[in-house]
Amino acid sequence: MELFESLKFKIVRRHIKIVFPEATDPRILGAASRLRSEELIEPVLIGNPVEIEKAAEARGINVSNFEILDPENYDRWDEMVEAFVERRNGKATKEQAEEILKDVNYFGTMLTYMGITEGMVSGAIHSTGDTVRPALQIIKTKPGVSRTSGAFLMVRGRDQEKYLFSDCAINVNPNAQELAEIAVDSAKTAELFEIDPKVAMLSFSTKGSAKAPEVDKVVEATKIAKELAPEYQIDGELQFDAAYISAVAQLKAPESEVAGKATVFVFPDLQSGNIGYKIAQRFGNFEAIGPILQGLNKPISDLSRGSNEEDVYKLSIITAAQTLMEK
């Protein structure tokens, strides 16, 4: 079964509520309409109802049956403010909370935190920081995870060749512990997409072929990741060709159980990860879907501001599927 057909099968008619803070954007409205009509999710739109209806009408979309929540007129406002103040644990007063929660991303994140919705998709208009900051303050990371990370699902061709690249969006220069956590989270994300996770910890060195502090970090991260999750196949340090091409693996890392067979590629820093996924996307004709935020207690997804309606549609399906991992 094709990847997204498989994900749709998992979520259809489960009535999963996903909140969209940027509800006047035509890309969001188009994707939300499709998702609702196909019974994949129940979209919750945030904003002024009149403005949303006007934007929807311009797209020929009827939102009369959509749930629309307005931060300026919300019947559970006091409850939300109280929950936010408690969650921030002394870092925000009631007066500050009332101002902060008028921001649609904070409002949407609180809906997810309170269990009113099960996940959030934002970032079509807002920056990554605007989307991720509320999630880190409110949803927070899972036990044992020090920070969130951003993976890209890389898909190519009718045969659905698929891999996971991480971290390509969030952490500029993770240390060994953080890199190990990213590797384990990425293995778990891969399983969501029915990818058998064989995790390659990437470097410019393979099994000691080069010496540098940057290599030492990847070697240490590999050791920690194996200790954190011995159930997964994780190996490093590996150059990309040794991780991907079996003939090169036989020459450079013949004893590795991952080399030449890797399906999850963990980059040592954000520069290499971001460049790497874009090279695969532009030169290799892979479709890059994401970033998929990993390590949070509930799924919050960050769109690229260059996203089209199809990108919104697909990332929303992934977000809904992630909610099933939490159950």
C-alpha atoms as a PDB file:
ATOM      1  CA  MET A   1       0.000   0.000   0.000  1.00  0.00           C
ATOM      2  CA  GLU A   2       1.286   3.490  -0.914  1.00  0.00           C
ATOM      3  CA  LEU A   3       2.618   5.391   2.112  1.00  0.00           C
ATOM      4  CA  PHE A   4      -0.056   8.040   2.468  1.00  0.00           C
ATOM      5  CA  GLU A   5      -2.829   5.620   1.636  1.00  0.00           C
ATOM      6  CA  SER A   6      -1.577   3.495   4.521  1.00  0.00           C
ATOM      7  CA  LEU A   7      -1.547   6.503   6.877  1.00  0.00           C
ATOM      8  CA  LYS A   8      -5.026   7.517   5.755  1.00  0.00           C
ATOM      9  CA  PHE A   9      -6.298   4.022   6.459  1.00  0.00           C
ATOM     10  CA  LYS A  10      -4.988   4.315  10.027  1.00  0.00           C
ATOM     11  CA  ILE A  11      -6.690   7.647  10.777  1.00  0.00           C
ATOM     12  CA  VAL A  12      -9.892   7.633   8.710  1.00  0.00           C
ATOM     13  CA  ARG A  13     -13.096   8.130  10.715  1.00  0.00           C
ATOM     14  CA  ARG A  14     -11.191   8.252  14.018  1.00  0.00           C
ATOM     15  CA  HIS A  15     -12.396  11.849  14.531  1.00  0.00           C
ATOM     16  CA  ILE A  16      -8.913  13.129  15.364  1.00  0.00           C
ATOM     17  CA  LYS A  17      -9.045  16.857  16.069  1.00  0.00           C
ATOM     18  CA  ILE A  18      -6.170  18.884  14.648  1.00  0.00           C
ATOM     19  CA  VAL A  19      -6.024  22.633  15.224  1.00  0.00           C
ATOM     20  CA  PHE A  20      -4.978  25.145  12.557  1.00  0.00           C
ATOM     21  CA  PRO A  21      -4.008  28.579  13.952  1.00  0.00           C
ATOM     22  CA  GLU A  22      -3.580  30.149  10.489  1.00  0.00           C
ATOM     23  CA  ALA A  23      -7.161  29.629   9.399  1.00  0.00           C
ATOM     24  CA  THR A  24      -7.466  32.542   6.966  1.00  0.00           C
ATOM     25  CA  ASP A  25      -4.617  31.268   4.794  1.00  0.00           C
ATOM     26  CA  PRO A  26      -5.995  29.764   1.548  1.00  0.00           C
ATOM     27  CA  ARG A  27      -3.546  26.823   1.704  1.00  0.00           C
ATOM     28  CA  ILE A  28      -4.768  25.917   5.183  1.00  0.00           C
ATOM     29  CA  LEU A  29      -8.408  26.274   4.217  1.00  0.00           C
ATOM     30  CA  GLY A  30      -7.991  24.143   1.096  1.00  0.00           C
ATOM     31  CA  ALA A  31      -6.191  21.343   2.961  1.00  0.00           C
ATOM     32  CA  ALA A  32      -8.607  21.452   5.913  1.00  0.00           C
ATOM     33  CA  SER A  33     -11.565  21.189   3.579  1.00  0.00           C
ATOM     34  CA  ARG A  34     -10.097  18.129   1.851  1.00  0.00           C
ATOM     35  CA  LEU A  35      -9.184  16.464   5.139  1.00  0.00           C
ATOM     36  CA  ARG A  36     -12.668  16.997   6.536  1.00  0.00           C
ATOM     37  CA  SER A  37     -14.497  15.849   3.407  1.00  0.00           C
ATOM     38  CA  GLU A  38     -12.391  12.654   3.351  1.00  0.00           C
ATOM     39  CA  GLU A  39     -13.133  12.092   7.078  1.00  0.00           C
ATOM     40  CA  LEU A  40      -9.424  11.962   7.868  1.00  0.00           C
ATOM     41  CA  ILE A  41      -9.460  14.571  10.615  1.00  0.00           C
ATOM     42  CA  GLU A  42     -11.782  17.055  12.265  1.00  0.00           C
ATOM     43  CA  PRO A  43     -10.129  20.443  11.646  1.00  0.00           C
ATOM     44  CA  VAL A  44     -10.449  23.112  14.318  1.00  0.00           C
ATOM     45  CA  LEU A  45      -9.885  26.602  12.921  1.00  0.00           C
ATOM     46  CA  ILE A  46      -8.614  29.494  15.036  1.00  0.00           C
ATOM     47  CA  GLY A  47      -9.485  33.098  14.396  1.00  0.00           C
ATOM     48  CA  ASN A  48     -12.251  35.587  13.900  1.00  0.00           C
ATOM     49  CA  PRO A  49     -15.208  33.680  12.392  1.00  0.00           C
ATOM     50  CA  VAL A  50     -16.160  36.525  10.045  1.00  0.00           C
ATOM     51  CA  GLU A  51     -12.615  36.803   8.682  1.00  0.00           C
ATOM     52  CA  ILE A  52     -12.338  33.021   8.267  1.00  0.00           C
ATOM     53  CA  GLU A  53     -15.665  32.785   6.478  1.00  0.00           C
ATOM     54  CA  LYS A  54     -14.656  35.635   4.152  1.00  0.00           C
ATOM     55  CA  ALA A  55     -11.338  33.954   3.306  1.00  0.00           C
ATOM     56  CA  ALA A  56     -13.070  30.612   2.785  1.00  0.00           C
ATOM     57  CA  GLU A  57     -15.707  32.141   0.535  1.00  0.00           C
ATOM     58  CA  ALA A  58     -12.933  33.573  -1.664  1.00  0.00           C
ATOM     59  CA  ARG A  59     -11.699  29.973  -2.121  1.00  0.00           C
ATOM     60  CA  GLY A  60     -15.201  28.601  -2.699  1.00  0.00           C
ATOM     61  CA  ILE A  61     -15.078  26.674   0.584  1.00  0.00           C
ATOM     62  CA  ASN A  62     -18.022  26.330   2.951  1.00  0.00           C
ATOM     63  CA  VAL A  63     -16.882  26.401   6.592  1.00  0.00           C
ATOM     64  CA  SER A  64     -20.331  26.631   8.156  1.00  0.00           C
ATOM     65  CA  ASN A  65     -19.938  23.148   9.666  1.00  0.00           C
ATOM     66  CA  PHE A  66     -16.351  23.647  10.848  1.00  0.00           C
ATOM     67  CA  GLU A  67     -15.461  24.207  14.485  1.00  0.00           C
ATOM     68  CA  ILE A  68     -14.082  27.742  14.735  1.00  0.00           C
ATOM     69  CA  LEU A  69     -12.579  29.025  17.992  1.00  0.00           C
ATOM     70  CA  ASP A  70     -11.880  32.714  18.512  1.00  0.00           C
ATOM     71  CA  PRO A  71      -9.292  33.689  21.178  1.00  0.00           C
ATOM     72  CA  GLU A  72     -11.181  36.960  21.618  1.00  0.00           C
ATOM     73  CA  ASN A  73     -14.419  35.156  22.444  1.00  0.00           C
ATOM     74  CA  TYR A  74     -13.746  31.700  23.885  1.00  0.00           C
ATOM     75  CA  ASP A  75     -16.076  30.184  26.462  1.00  0.00           C
ATOM     76  CA  ARG A  76     -13.256  28.296  28.229  1.00  0.00           C
ATOM     77  CA  TRP A  77     -10.922  31.305  28.319  1.00  0.00           C
ATOM     78  CA  ASP A  78     -10.642  31.564  32.101  1.00  0.00           C
ATOM     79  CA  GLU A  79      -9.900  27.847  32.362  1.00  0.00           C
ATOM     80  CA  MET A  80      -7.209  28.167  29.693  1.00  0.00           C
ATOM     81  CA  VAL A  81      -5.582  31.170  31.358  1.00  0.00           C
ATOM     82  CA  GLU A  82      -5.476  29.337  34.686  1.00  0.00           C
ATOM     83  CA  ALA A  83      -4.003  26.219  33.064  1.00  0.00           C
ATOM     84  CA  PHE A  84      -1.349  28.295  31.289  1.00  0.00           C
ATOM     85  CA  VAL A  85      -0.283  30.106  34.458  1.00  0.00           C
ATOM     86  CA  GLU A  86      -0.025  26.767  36.258  1.00  0.00           C
ATOM     87  CA  ARG A  87       1.960  25.207  33.414  1.00  0.00           C
ATOM     88  CA  ARG A  88       4.407  28.112  33.281  1.00  0.00           C
ATOM     89  CA  ASN A  89       4.950  27.653  37.017  1.00  0.00           C
ATOM     90  CA  GLY A  90       5.599  31.240  38.063  1.00  0.00           C
ATOM     91  CA  LYS A  91       6.967  32.455  34.729  1.00  0.00           C
ATOM     92  CA  ALA A  92       3.739  34.235  33.716  1.00  0.00           C
ATOM     93  CA  THR A  93       1.121  36.172  35.678  1.00  0.00           C
ATOM     94  CA  LYS A  94      -2.587  35.984  34.920  1.00  0.00           C
ATOM     95  CA  GLU A  95      -2.396  39.364  33.169  1.00  0.00           C
ATOM     96  CA  GLN A  96       0.562  38.224  31.054  1.00  0.00           C
ATOM     97  CA  ALA A  97      -1.203  34.951  30.216  1.00  0.00           C
ATOM     98  CA  GLU A  98      -4.281  36.803  28.977  1.00  0.00           C
ATOM     99  CA  GLU A  99      -2.086  38.764  26.576  1.00  0.00           C
ATOM    100  CA  ILE A 100       0.080  35.819  25.478  1.00  0.00           C
ATOM    101  CA  LEU A 101      -2.904  33.553  24.739  1.00  0.00           C
ATOM    102  CA  LYS A 102      -4.271  36.013  22.192  1.00  0.00           C
ATOM    103  CA  ASP A 103      -1.411  34.772  19.994  1.00  0.00           C
ATOM    104  CA  VAL A 104      -2.936  32.060  17.801  1.00  0.00           C
ATOM    105  CA  ASN A 105       0.009  29.675  18.198  1.00  0.00           C
ATOM    106  CA  TYR A 106      -0.092  29.869  21.984  1.00  0.00           C
ATOM    107  CA  PHE A 107      -3.869  29.502  21.891  1.00  0.00           C
ATOM    108  CA  GLY A 108      -3.669  26.484  19.588  1.00  0.00           C
ATOM    109  CA  THR A 109      -0.915  24.879  21.637  1.00  0.00           C
ATOM    110  CA  MET A 110      -2.986  25.279  24.797  1.00  0.00           C
ATOM    111  CA  LEU A 111      -5.966  23.622  23.084  1.00  0.00           C
ATOM    112  CA  THR A 112      -3.720  20.630  22.439  1.00  0.00           C
ATOM    113  CA  TYR A 113      -2.240  20.667  25.933  1.00  0.00           C
ATOM    114  CA  MET A 114      -5.737  20.725  27.469  1.00  0.00           C
ATOM    115  CA  GLY A 115      -6.848  17.792  25.300  1.00  0.00           C
ATOM    116  CA  ILE A 116      -9.442  19.824  23.408  1.00  0.00           C
ATOM    117  CA  THR A 117      -7.514  19.027  20.235  1.00  0.00           C
ATOM    118  CA  GLU A 118      -4.986  16.232  19.706  1.00  0.00           C
ATOM    119  CA  GLY A 119      -2.367  18.034  17.631  1.00  0.00           C
ATOM    120  CA  MET A 120      -1.535  21.288  15.856  1.00  0.00           C
ATOM    121  CA  VAL A 121      -0.291  22.276  12.401  1.00  0.00           C
ATOM    122  CA  SER A 122       1.152  25.773  11.959  1.00  0.00           C
ATOM    123  CA  GLY A 123       4.014  27.573  10.211  1.00  0.00           C
ATOM    124  CA  ALA A 124       2.472  28.485   6.839  1.00  0.00           C
ATOM    125  CA  ILE A 125       2.689  32.130   7.879  1.00  0.00           C
ATOM    126  CA  HIS A 126       4.685  31.999  11.126  1.00  0.00           C
ATOM    127  CA  SER A 127       8.375  31.268  11.632  1.00  0.00           C
ATOM    128  CA  THR A 128       9.633  28.003  13.112  1.00  0.00           C
ATOM    129  CA  GLY A 129      10.391  29.863  16.348  1.00  0.00           C
ATOM    130  CA  ASP A 130       6.812  31.155  16.572  1.00  0.00           C
ATOM    131  CA  THR A 131       5.513  27.585  16.206  1.00  0.00           C
ATOM    132  CA  VAL A 132       8.057  25.705  18.299  1.00  0.00           C
ATOM    133  CA  ARG A 133       8.441  28.140  21.222  1.00  0.00           C
ATOM    134  CA  PRO A 134       4.887  27.648  22.590  1.00  0.00           C
ATOM    135  CA  ALA A 135       5.240  23.883  22.163  1.00  0.00           C
ATOM    136  CA  LEU A 136       8.460  23.797  24.191  1.00  0.00           C
ATOM    137  CA  GLN A 137       6.963  25.971  26.928  1.00  0.00           C
ATOM    138  CA  ILE A 138       3.613  24.191  27.164  1.00  0.00           C
ATOM    139  CA  ILE A 139       3.685  20.703  25.595  1.00  0.00           C
ATOM    140  CA  LYS A 140       7.343  20.138  26.534  1.00  0.00           C
ATOM    141  CA  THR A 141       9.536  17.202  25.621  1.00  0.00           C
ATOM    142  CA  LYS A 142       9.000  13.596  26.633  1.00  0.00           C
ATOM    143  CA  PRO A 143      10.804  12.125  29.639  1.00  0.00           C
ATOM    144  CA  GLY A 144      14.407  11.364  28.720  1.00  0.00           C
ATOM    145  CA  VAL A 145      14.394  13.802  25.792  1.00  0.00           C
ATOM    146  CA  SER A 146      16.222  17.075  26.378  1.00  0.00           C
ATOM    147  CA  ARG A 147      15.045  18.850  23.236  1.00  0.00           C
ATOM    148  CA  THR A 148      12.869  18.477  20.183  1.00  0.00           C
ATOM    149  CA  SER A 149      14.254  17.824  16.699  1.00  0.00           C
ATOM    150  CA  GLY A 150      12.994  18.037  13.134  1.00  0.00           C
ATOM    151  CA  ALA A 151      12.972  15.078  10.734  1.00  0.00           C
ATOM    152  CA  PHE A 152      12.137  14.955   7.043  1.00  0.00           C
ATOM    153  CA  LEU A 153      10.487  11.992   5.386  1.00  0.00           C
ATOM    154  CA  MET A 154      12.182  11.572   2.002  1.00  0.00           C
ATOM    155  CA  VAL A 155      10.082   9.774  -0.613  1.00  0.00           C
ATOM    156  CA  ARG A 156      10.880   9.026  -4.268  1.00  0.00           C
ATOM    157  CA  GLY A 157       9.166   7.276  -7.150  1.00  0.00           C
ATOM    158  CA  ARG A 158       6.230   4.976  -7.636  1.00  0.00           C
ATOM    159  CA  ASP A 159       7.992   2.240  -5.706  1.00  0.00           C
ATOM    160  CA  GLN A 160       7.895   4.549  -2.674  1.00  0.00           C
ATOM    161  CA  GLU A 161      11.594   4.523  -1.885  1.00  0.00           C
ATOM    162  CA  LYS A 162      11.600   6.177   1.543  1.00  0.00           C
ATOM    163  CA  TYR A 163      14.100   7.304   4.162  1.00  0.00           C
ATOM    164  CA  LEU A 164      14.213   9.572   7.195  1.00  0.00           C
ATOM    165  CA  PHE A 165      16.685  12.463   7.529  1.00  0.00           C
ATOM    166  CA  SER A 166      17.261  14.141  10.908  1.00  0.00           C
ATOM    167  CA  ASP A 167      17.847  16.717  12.408  1.00  0.00           C
ATOM    168  CA  CYS A 168      17.336  19.094   9.508  1.00  0.00           C
ATOM    169  CA  ALA A 169      15.379  21.888  11.174  1.00  0.00           C
ATOM    170  CA  ILE A 170      15.972  22.657  14.848  1.00  0.00           C
ATOM    171  CA  ASN A 171      19.313  22.008  16.599  1.00  0.00           C
ATOM    172  CA  VAL A 172      22.278  23.967  15.275  1.00  0.00           C
ATOM    173  CA  ASN A 173      25.062  21.930  16.889  1.00  0.00           C
ATOM    174  CA  PRO A 174      23.764  19.158  19.161  1.00  0.00           C
ATOM    175  CA  ASN A 175      26.160  17.574  21.637  1.00  0.00           C
ATOM    176  CA  ALA A 176      26.690  13.809  21.824  1.00  0.00           C
ATOM    177  CA  GLN A 177      23.816  13.207  24.256  1.00  0.00           C
ATOM    178  CA  GLU A 178      21.402  15.301  22.210  1.00  0.00           C
ATOM    179  CA  LEU A 179      22.514  13.637  18.982  1.00  0.00           C
ATOM    180  CA  ALA A 180      21.907  10.216  20.530  1.00  0.00           C
ATOM    181  CA  GLU A 181      18.395  11.247  21.581  1.00  0.00           C
ATOM    182  CA  ILE A 182      17.721  12.523  18.055  1.00  0.00           C
ATOM    183  CA  ALA A 183      18.807   9.144  16.672  1.00  0.00           C
ATOM    184  CA  VAL A 184      16.445   7.205  18.947  1.00  0.00           C
ATOM    185  CA  ASP A 185      13.520   9.555  18.289  1.00  0.00           C
ATOM    186  CA  SER A 186      14.190   9.267  14.550  1.00  0.00           C
ATOM    187  CA  ALA A 187      14.061   5.469  14.727  1.00  0.00           C
ATOM    188  CA  LYS A 188      10.657   5.701  16.395  1.00  0.00           C
ATOM    189  CA  THR A 189       9.423   8.173  13.778  1.00  0.00           C
ATOM    190  CA  ALA A 190      10.617   5.867  10.987  1.00  0.00           C
ATOM    191  CA  GLU A 191       8.436   3.071  12.348  1.00  0.00           C
ATOM    192  CA  LEU A 192       5.376   5.312  12.000  1.00  0.00           C
ATOM    193  CA  PHE A 193       6.010   5.276   8.241  1.00  0.00           C
ATOM    194  CA  GLU A 194       6.652   1.522   8.147  1.00  0.00           C
ATOM    195  CA  ILE A 195      10.372   2.071   7.628  1.00  0.00           C
ATOM    196  CA  ASP A 196      12.546  -0.585   9.250  1.00  0.00           C
ATOM    197  CA  PRO A 197      14.924   1.710  11.171  1.00  0.00           C
ATOM    198  CA  LYS A 198      18.583   1.092  10.440  1.00  0.00           C
ATOM    199  CA  VAL A 199      20.151   4.235  11.830  1.00  0.00           C
ATOM    200  CA  ALA A 200      23.361   5.686  10.400  1.00  0.00           C
ATOM    201  CA  MET A 201      25.195   8.290  12.481  1.00  0.00           C
ATOM    202  CA  LEU A 202      26.765  10.374   9.734  1.00  0.00           C
ATOM    203  CA  SER A 203      30.192  11.984   9.664  1.00  0.00           C
ATOM    204  CA  PHE A 204      33.029  12.808   7.262  1.00  0.00           C
ATOM    205  CA  SER A 205      34.779   9.765   8.742  1.00  0.00           C
ATOM    206  CA  THR A 206      34.003   6.045   8.649  1.00  0.00           C
ATOM    207  CA  LYS A 207      35.155   3.894  11.560  1.00  0.00           C
ATOM    208  CA  GLY A 208      38.171   5.996  12.449  1.00  0.00           C
ATOM    209  CA  SER A 209      39.280   7.023   8.953  1.00  0.00           C
ATOM    210  CA  ALA A 210      39.630  10.633  10.170  1.00  0.00           C
ATOM    211  CA  LYS A 211      40.441  12.184  13.535  1.00  0.00           C
ATOM    212  CA  ALA A 212      38.726  15.350  14.790  1.00  0.00           C
ATOM    213  CA  PRO A 213      36.532  16.526  17.676  1.00  0.00           C
ATOM    214  CA  GLU A 214      33.548  16.484  15.296  1.00  0.00           C
ATOM    215  CA  VAL A 215      34.150  12.790  14.658  1.00  0.00           C
ATOM    216  CA  ASP A 216      34.576  12.074  18.363  1.00  0.00           C
ATOM    217  CA  LYS A 217      31.141  13.593  18.995  1.00  0.00           C
ATOM    218  CA  VAL A 218      29.476  11.200  16.542  1.00  0.00           C
ATOM    219  CA  VAL A 219      31.361   8.200  17.956  1.00  0.00           C
ATOM    220  CA  GLU A 220      30.218   9.102  21.477  1.00  0.00           C
ATOM    221  CA  ALA A 221      26.643   9.771  20.278  1.00  0.00           C
ATOM    222  CA  THR A 222      26.545   6.332  18.648  1.00  0.00           C
ATOM    223  CA  LYS A 223      27.632   4.690  21.898  1.00  0.00           C
ATOM    224  CA  ILE A 224      24.990   6.559  23.913  1.00  0.00           C
ATOM    225  CA  ALA A 225      22.224   5.857  21.375  1.00  0.00           C
ATOM    226  CA  LYS A 226      22.949   2.124  21.496  1.00  0.00           C
ATOM    227  CA  GLU A 227      22.714   2.226  25.282  1.00  0.00           C
ATOM    228  CA  LEU A 228      19.468   4.215  25.186  1.00  0.00           C
ATOM    229  CA  ALA A 229      17.797   1.922  22.655  1.00  0.00           C
ATOM    230  CA  PRO A 230      19.536  -1.462  22.263  1.00  0.00           C
ATOM    231  CA  GLU A 231      16.479  -2.729  20.385  1.00  0.00           C
ATOM    232  CA  TYR A 232      17.404  -0.620  17.341  1.00  0.00           C
ATOM    233  CA  GLN A 233      20.193  -1.114  14.818  1.00  0.00           C
ATOM    234  CA  ILE A 234      22.332   2.030  15.182  1.00  0.00           C
ATOM    235  CA  ASP A 235      25.887   2.445  13.921  1.00  0.00           C
ATOM    236  CA  GLY A 236      28.472   5.114  13.289  1.00  0.00           C
ATOM    237  CA  GLU A 237      30.472   6.968  12.568  1.00  0.00           C
ATOM    238  CA  LEU A 238      29.701   6.474   8.852  1.00  0.00           C
ATOM    239  CA  GLN A 239      30.185   8.566   5.748  1.00  0.00           C
ATOM    240  CA  PHE A 240      27.065   8.851   3.638  1.00  0.00           C
ATOM    241  CA  ASP A 241      28.347   6.609   0.849  1.00  0.00           C
ATOM    242  CA  ALA A 242      29.269   3.892   3.352  1.00  0.00           C
ATOM    243  CA  ALA A 243      25.821   4.154   4.945  1.00  0.00           C
ATOM    244  CA  TYR A 244      23.919   4.086   1.651  1.00  0.00           C
ATOM    245  CA  ILE A 245      25.866   1.988  -0.882  1.00  0.00           C
ATOM    246  CA  SER A 246      26.499  -1.674  -0.061  1.00  0.00           C
ATOM    247  CA  ALA A 247      29.641  -1.954  -2.212  1.00  0.00           C
ATOM    248  CA  VAL A 248      31.231   0.983  -0.399  1.00  0.00           C
ATOM    249  CA  ALA A 249      30.078  -0.438   2.940  1.00  0.00           C
ATOM    250  CA  GLN A 250      31.916  -3.692   2.231  1.00  0.00           C
ATOM    251  CA  LEU A 251      35.143  -1.752   1.743  1.00  0.00           C
ATOM    252  CA  LYS A 252      34.810   0.799   4.538  1.00  0.00           C
ATOM    253  CA  ALA A 253      32.716  -0.904   7.240  1.00  0.00           C
ATOM    254  CA  PRO A 254      32.364  -4.617   6.442  1.00  0.00           C
ATOM    255  CA  GLU A 255      31.326  -5.585   9.978  1.00  0.00           C
ATOM    256  CA  SER A 256      28.583  -2.972  10.326  1.00  0.00           C
ATOM    257  CA  GLU A 257      24.967  -4.165  10.461  1.00  0.00           C
ATOM    258  CA  VAL A 258      23.793  -0.746   9.214  1.00  0.00           C
ATOM    259  CA  ALA A 259      26.345   0.286   6.576  1.00  0.00           C
ATOM    260  CA  GLY A 260      25.013  -0.108   3.049  1.00  0.00           C
ATOM    261  CA  LYS A 261      21.501  -0.699   4.383  1.00  0.00           C
ATOM    262  CA  ALA A 262      20.716   2.508   6.288  1.00  0.00           C
ATOM    263  CA  THR A 263      17.182   3.880   6.194  1.00  0.00           C
ATOM    264  CA  VAL A 264      17.522   6.605   8.841  1.00  0.00           C
ATOM    265  CA  PHE A 265      20.287   9.175   8.406  1.00  0.00           C
ATOM    266  CA  VAL A 266      21.239  11.276  11.439  1.00  0.00           C
ATOM    267  CA  PHE A 267      23.322  14.322  10.551  1.00  0.00           C
ATOM    268  CA  PRO A 268      25.921  15.670  13.011  1.00  0.00           C
ATOM    269  CA  ASP A 269      24.669  19.260  12.877  1.00  0.00           C
ATOM    270  CA  LEU A 270      21.989  21.451  11.359  1.00  0.00           C
ATOM    271  CA  GLN A 271      24.169  22.798   8.547  1.00  0.00           C
ATOM    272  CA  SER A 272      24.832  19.356   7.084  1.00  0.00           C
ATOM    273  CA  GLY A 273      21.283  18.132   7.711  1.00  0.00           C
ATOM    274  CA  ASN A 274      19.575  21.103   6.104  1.00  0.00           C
ATOM    275  CA  ILE A 275      21.936  21.092   3.116  1.00  0.00           C
ATOM    276  CA  GLY A 276      21.670  17.314   2.798  1.00  0.00           C
ATOM    277  CA  TYR A 277      17.901  17.072   2.583  1.00  0.00           C
ATOM    278  CA  LYS A 278      17.743  19.926   0.080  1.00  0.00           C
ATOM    279  CA  ILE A 279      20.361  18.281  -2.148  1.00  0.00           C
ATOM    280  CA  ALA A 280      18.353  15.034  -2.091  1.00  0.00           C
ATOM    281  CA  GLN A 281      15.195  17.002  -2.832  1.00  0.00           C
ATOM    282  CA  ARG A 282      16.589  19.056  -5.728  1.00  0.00           C
ATOM    283  CA  PHE A 283      19.218  16.745  -7.250  1.00  0.00           C
ATOM    284  CA  GLY A 284      17.742  13.377  -6.307  1.00  0.00           C
ATOM    285  CA  ASN A 285      14.080  14.200  -6.995  1.00  0.00           C
ATOM    286  CA  PHE A 286      12.989  13.132  -3.524  1.00  0.00           C
ATOM    287  CA  GLU A 287       9.857  14.628  -2.068  1.00  0.00           C
ATOM    288  CA  ALA A 288      10.788  16.120   1.313  1.00  0.00           C
ATOM    289  CA  ILE A 289       7.892  16.014   3.775  1.00  0.00           C
ATOM    290  CA  GLY A 290       8.319  17.895   7.024  1.00  0.00           C
ATOM    291  CA  PRO A 291       9.814  18.995   9.246  1.00  0.00           C
ATOM    292  CA  ILE A 292       8.195  16.460  11.550  1.00  0.00           C
ATOM    293  CA  LEU A 293       8.826  17.581  15.122  1.00  0.00           C
ATOM    294  CA  GLN A 294      10.064  14.751  17.342  1.00  0.00           C
ATOM    295  CA  GLY A 295      10.333  14.341  21.085  1.00  0.00           C
ATOM    296  CA  LEU A 296       7.285  16.362  22.181  1.00  0.00           C
ATOM    297  CA  ASN A 297       4.594  14.977  24.472  1.00  0.00           C
ATOM    298  CA  LYS A 298       1.952  15.731  21.822  1.00  0.00           C
ATOM    299  CA  PRO A 299       2.341  16.285  18.068  1.00  0.00           C
ATOM    300  CA  ILE A 300       2.939  19.856  16.955  1.00  0.00           C
ATOM    301  CA  SER A 301       3.926  20.254  13.300  1.00  0.00           C
ATOM    302  CA  ASP A 302       5.815  23.125  11.711  1.00  0.00           C
ATOM    303  CA  LEU A 303       5.117  23.901   8.063  1.00  0.00           C
ATOM    304  CA  SER A 304       7.556  25.707   5.818  1.00  0.00           C
ATOM    305  CA  ARG A 305       6.336  29.159   4.847  1.00  0.00           C
ATOM    306  CA  GLY A 306       6.909  28.031   1.266  1.00  0.00           C
ATOM    307  CA  SER A 307       4.466  25.147   1.666  1.00  0.00           C
ATOM    308  CA  ASN A 308       1.649  24.552  -0.799  1.00  0.00           C
ATOM    309  CA  GLU A 309      -1.772  23.089  -0.062  1.00  0.00           C
ATOM    310  CA  GLU A 310      -0.569  19.545  -0.724  1.00  0.00           C
ATOM    311  CA  ASP A 311       2.219  19.983   1.826  1.00  0.00           C
ATOM    312  CA  VAL A 312      -0.328  21.114   4.431  1.00  0.00           C
ATOM    313  CA  TYR A 313      -2.572  18.173   3.584  1.00  0.00           C
ATOM    314  CA  LYS A 314       0.223  15.608   3.945  1.00  0.00           C
ATOM    315  CA  LEU A 315       1.774  17.044   7.105  1.00  0.00           C
ATOM    316  CA  SER A 316      -1.686  17.135   8.693  1.00  0.00           C
ATOM    317  CA  ILE A 317      -2.124  13.425   7.924  1.00  0.00           C
ATOM    318  CA  ILE A 318       1.268  12.727   9.517  1.00  0.00           C
ATOM    319  CA  THR A 319       0.323  14.799  12.583  1.00  0.00           C
ATOM    320  CA  ALA A 320      -2.917  12.853  12.981  1.00  0.00           C
ATOM    321  CA  ALA A 321      -1.024   9.559  12.616  1.00  0.00           C
ATOM    322  CA  GLN A 322       1.441  10.698  15.303  1.00  0.00           C
ATOM    323  CA  THR A 323      -1.446  11.025  17.758  1.00  0.00           C
ATOM    324  CA  LEU A 324      -1.962   7.267  17.471  1.00  0.00           C
ATOM    325  CA  MET A 325       1.605   6.702  18.695  1.00  0.00           C
ATOM    326  CA  GLU A 326       0.666   8.457  21.934  1.00  0.00           C
ATOM    327  CA  LYS A 327      -2.312   6.154  22.640  1.00  0.00           C
END
